[in-house]
């Protein structure tokens, strides 16, 4: 959410100090200060993973395969012009 907030000089100094100490952006520092003051904890986001098995195509030489396919396409286009 985007909003405009007017900070008192002491709270502005506290946010700026938090930015310096932790290497945070202004937004991150304000959010951290609000969370600390309200006791709200941020839940960690976890992405579920799945085993997809081994690749069906060997990817060891993917760049070479891509170059070969590109070469074949160029040869086909040049042959079509004649």
Protein backbone atom coordinates (compact mmCIF):
# COMPACT_ATOMS: atom_id res chain seq x y z
CA UNK A 1 0.00 0.00 0.00
CA UNK A 2 1.27 3.44 -0.84
CA UNK A 3 0.51 6.30 1.53
CA UNK A 4 1.97 9.59 2.70
CA UNK A 5 3.17 9.79 6.29
CA UNK A 6 4.64 12.78 8.12
CA UNK A 7 7.35 11.66 10.55
CA UNK A 8 8.33 13.59 13.64
CA UNK A 9 12.03 14.52 13.72
CA UNK A 10 12.84 11.86 16.35
CA UNK A 11 11.13 9.05 14.41
CA UNK A 12 12.75 10.19 11.18
CA UNK A 13 16.15 10.02 12.89
CA UNK A 14 15.35 6.54 14.21
CA UNK A 15 14.38 5.31 10.73
CA UNK A 16 17.51 6.85 9.19
CA UNK A 17 19.65 5.19 11.90
CA UNK A 18 18.00 1.84 11.15
CA UNK A 19 18.74 2.35 7.45
CA UNK A 20 22.44 2.98 8.15
CA UNK A 21 22.88 0.19 10.71
CA UNK A 22 21.14 -2.54 8.73
CA UNK A 23 21.72 -1.33 5.18
CA UNK A 24 17.99 -1.04 4.52
CA UNK A 25 15.97 1.10 2.17
CA UNK A 26 13.64 3.70 3.67
CA UNK A 27 10.63 1.47 2.99
CA UNK A 28 12.28 -1.56 4.61
CA UNK A 29 13.31 0.48 7.66
CA UNK A 30 9.83 1.95 8.18
CA UNK A 31 8.23 -1.49 7.85
CA UNK A 32 10.75 -3.01 10.28
CA UNK A 33 10.10 -0.24 12.81
CA UNK A 34 6.34 -0.67 12.57
CA UNK A 35 6.62 -4.46 12.93
CA UNK A 36 8.91 -4.08 15.94
CA UNK A 37 6.59 -1.55 17.57
CA UNK A 38 3.39 -3.52 17.00
CA UNK A 39 4.80 -6.98 17.63
CA UNK A 40 3.65 -8.16 14.20
CA UNK A 41 5.89 -10.87 12.80
CA UNK A 42 6.26 -11.44 9.11
CA UNK A 43 5.55 -15.00 8.03
CA UNK A 44 8.26 -16.54 5.91
CA UNK A 45 7.12 -17.43 2.43
CA UNK A 46 7.97 -20.96 1.38
CA UNK A 47 7.57 -22.28 -2.13
CA UNK A 48 6.83 -26.00 -2.28
CA UNK A 49 9.14 -28.00 -4.52
CA UNK A 50 8.59 -31.19 -6.48
CA UNK A 51 11.01 -33.70 -7.92
CA UNK A 52 10.52 -33.68 -11.68
CA UNK A 53 12.93 -36.52 -12.25
CA UNK A 54 15.87 -36.54 -14.60
CA UNK A 55 15.71 -34.33 -17.71
CA UNK A 56 14.32 -36.03 -20.82
CA UNK A 57 16.87 -34.20 -22.95
CA UNK A 58 20.53 -34.13 -21.90
CA UNK A 59 21.28 -30.49 -21.14
CA UNK A 60 25.05 -30.86 -20.98
CA UNK A 61 25.47 -29.33 -24.42
CA UNK A 62 22.43 -27.07 -24.61
CA UNK A 63 24.30 -24.14 -26.20
CA UNK A 64 25.75 -26.37 -28.88
CA UNK A 65 22.30 -27.82 -29.57
CA UNK A 66 20.84 -24.31 -29.83
CA UNK A 67 23.60 -23.25 -32.25
CA UNK A 68 23.03 -26.36 -34.39
CA UNK A 69 19.29 -25.67 -34.55
CA UNK A 70 19.95 -22.06 -35.48
CA UNK A 71 22.37 -23.14 -38.23
CA UNK A 72 19.79 -25.58 -39.63
CA UNK A 73 17.17 -22.82 -39.69
CA UNK A 74 19.53 -20.43 -41.51
CA UNK A 75 20.37 -23.09 -44.10
CA UNK A 76 16.65 -23.79 -44.60
CA UNK A 77 15.89 -20.07 -45.09
CA UNK A 78 18.77 -19.61 -47.52
CA UNK A 79 17.67 -22.65 -49.51
CA UNK A 80 14.12 -21.34 -49.71
CA UNK A 81 15.32 -18.09 -51.34
CA UNK A 82 16.79 -19.86 -54.39
